[in-house]
Amino acid sequence: MLFCPDCGSLLKPREDGKKTYLTCSCGYDKVEKEDILMKDEVKKSRKVEISKDETKKTMPKIKEECPKCHHETAYFWTQQTRASDEAETRFYECVKCSHRWRAYD
């Protein structure tokens, strides 16, 4: 990959007849090559599976009473479920019985 010496953006090939120019959106196009090879390598990524038990170990706990079993500790997380100008929704999961509920504020 070649980058623009003026602005640092990626240079893109532009063909003009038999010549190929490497141009930039800022107007730079002084580099010309007759034979440009564009090559990209994609590496395979490893799939990592996380079990539910491992996910729960990383979740924060809070003192919140479960409405089902009345246990006083729960995991919690937040998620934007409504418009961006409204508050996030807090979700809870009981440590003891795994009951889930939400709190709107």
Protein backbone atom coordinates (compact mmCIF):
# COMPACT_ATOMS: atom_id res chain seq x y z
CA MET A 1 0.00 0.00 0.00
CA LEU A 2 1.16 3.44 -0.77
CA PHE A 3 0.13 6.54 1.10
CA CYS A 4 -0.08 10.16 0.01
CA PRO A 5 2.98 12.15 1.12
CA ASP A 6 0.81 15.30 1.43
CA CYS A 7 -2.13 14.15 3.56
CA GLY A 8 -1.37 10.51 4.49
CA SER A 9 -4.47 9.01 2.82
CA LEU A 10 -4.38 5.75 0.91
CA LEU A 11 -3.48 6.21 -2.76
CA LYS A 12 -5.98 4.68 -5.19
CA PRO A 13 -5.19 3.49 -8.73
CA ARG A 14 -6.63 5.40 -11.71
CA GLU A 15 -6.10 4.14 -15.22
CA ASP A 16 -5.42 6.55 -18.09
CA GLY A 17 -4.81 4.60 -21.26
CA LYS A 18 -2.00 2.11 -20.67
CA LYS A 19 -0.63 4.00 -17.66
CA THR A 20 -1.93 3.69 -14.12
CA TYR A 21 -1.67 6.64 -11.76
CA LEU A 22 -1.87 6.47 -8.02
CA THR A 23 -4.12 9.33 -6.96
CA CYS A 24 -5.34 10.81 -3.72
CA SER A 25 -8.54 12.66 -2.87
CA CYS A 26 -6.47 15.73 -1.97
CA GLY A 27 -5.34 16.03 -5.60
CA TYR A 28 -1.94 14.33 -5.39
CA ASP A 29 -1.23 12.14 -8.46
CA LYS A 30 2.46 12.58 -9.30
CA VAL A 31 3.33 8.90 -8.96
CA GLU A 32 2.78 6.86 -12.11
CA LYS A 33 3.55 3.24 -12.70
CA GLU A 34 3.11 1.08 -15.75
CA ASP A 35 2.42 -2.14 -13.88
CA ILE A 36 0.82 -1.87 -10.44
CA LEU A 37 -0.20 -5.00 -8.62
CA MET A 38 -2.88 -4.49 -6.00
CA LYS A 39 -2.78 -7.39 -3.54
CA ASP A 40 -4.68 -7.98 -0.32
CA GLU A 41 -4.25 -10.83 2.15
CA VAL A 42 -7.04 -12.02 4.39
CA LYS A 43 -6.00 -14.05 7.38
CA LYS A 44 -8.37 -16.57 8.86
CA SER A 45 -9.51 -15.64 12.32
CA ARG A 46 -10.03 -18.13 15.08
CA LYS A 47 -13.51 -18.51 16.43
CA VAL A 48 -13.66 -18.12 20.19
CA GLU A 49 -16.69 -19.47 21.97
CA ILE A 50 -17.56 -18.30 25.44
CA SER A 51 -19.96 -20.32 27.51
CA LYS A 52 -22.73 -18.63 29.50
CA ASP A 53 -20.97 -19.45 32.77
CA GLU A 54 -17.75 -17.73 31.63
CA THR A 55 -19.71 -14.67 30.45
CA LYS A 56 -21.41 -14.33 33.82
CA LYS A 57 -18.08 -14.45 35.65
CA THR A 58 -17.03 -11.23 33.92
CA MET A 59 -20.31 -9.38 34.53
CA PRO A 60 -20.53 -6.89 37.40
CA LYS A 61 -22.73 -7.67 40.38
CA ILE A 62 -24.99 -5.26 42.23
CA LYS A 63 -27.12 -5.40 45.35
CA GLU A 64 -30.60 -5.65 43.81
CA GLU A 65 -33.48 -7.82 45.03
CA CYS A 66 -34.80 -10.44 42.64
CA PRO A 67 -38.58 -10.12 42.22
CA LYS A 68 -38.92 -13.90 41.87
CA CYS A 69 -36.78 -15.47 44.64
CA HIS A 70 -35.91 -12.31 46.66
CA HIS A 71 -32.17 -13.02 46.53
CA GLU A 72 -30.28 -9.76 47.04
CA THR A 73 -27.46 -10.04 44.44
CA ALA A 74 -27.80 -9.75 40.66
CA TYR A 75 -25.65 -9.35 37.59
CA PHE A 76 -26.38 -6.20 35.60
CA TRP A 77 -25.72 -4.58 32.23
CA THR A 78 -27.09 -1.63 30.29
CA GLN A 79 -28.30 -1.37 26.73
CA GLN A 80 -29.65 1.45 24.58
CA THR A 81 -33.14 0.20 23.68
CA ARG A 82 -34.88 3.49 22.93
CA ALA A 83 -33.92 6.74 21.21
CA SER A 84 -30.40 8.01 21.82
CA ASP A 85 -31.65 11.04 23.76
CA GLU A 86 -33.32 8.78 26.35
CA ALA A 87 -31.69 6.88 29.19
CA GLU A 88 -30.31 3.37 28.77
CA THR A 89 -32.28 0.36 30.01
CA ARG A 90 -30.73 -1.54 32.90
CA PHE A 91 -31.03 -5.33 32.79
CA TYR A 92 -30.58 -7.62 35.78
CA GLU A 93 -30.10 -11.37 36.21
CA CYS A 94 -30.39 -13.02 39.58
CA VAL A 95 -27.23 -14.79 40.70
CA LYS A 96 -29.25 -17.53 42.41
CA CYS A 97 -32.21 -18.37 40.10
CA SER A 98 -31.11 -16.69 36.80
CA HIS A 99 -34.38 -14.75 36.54
CA ARG A 100 -34.02 -11.70 34.28
CA TRP A 101 -35.78 -8.35 34.57
CA ARG A 102 -35.25 -4.76 33.50
CA ALA A 103 -35.48 -1.32 35.07
CA TYR A 104 -36.51 1.79 33.15
CA ASP A 105 -35.42 5.19 34.46
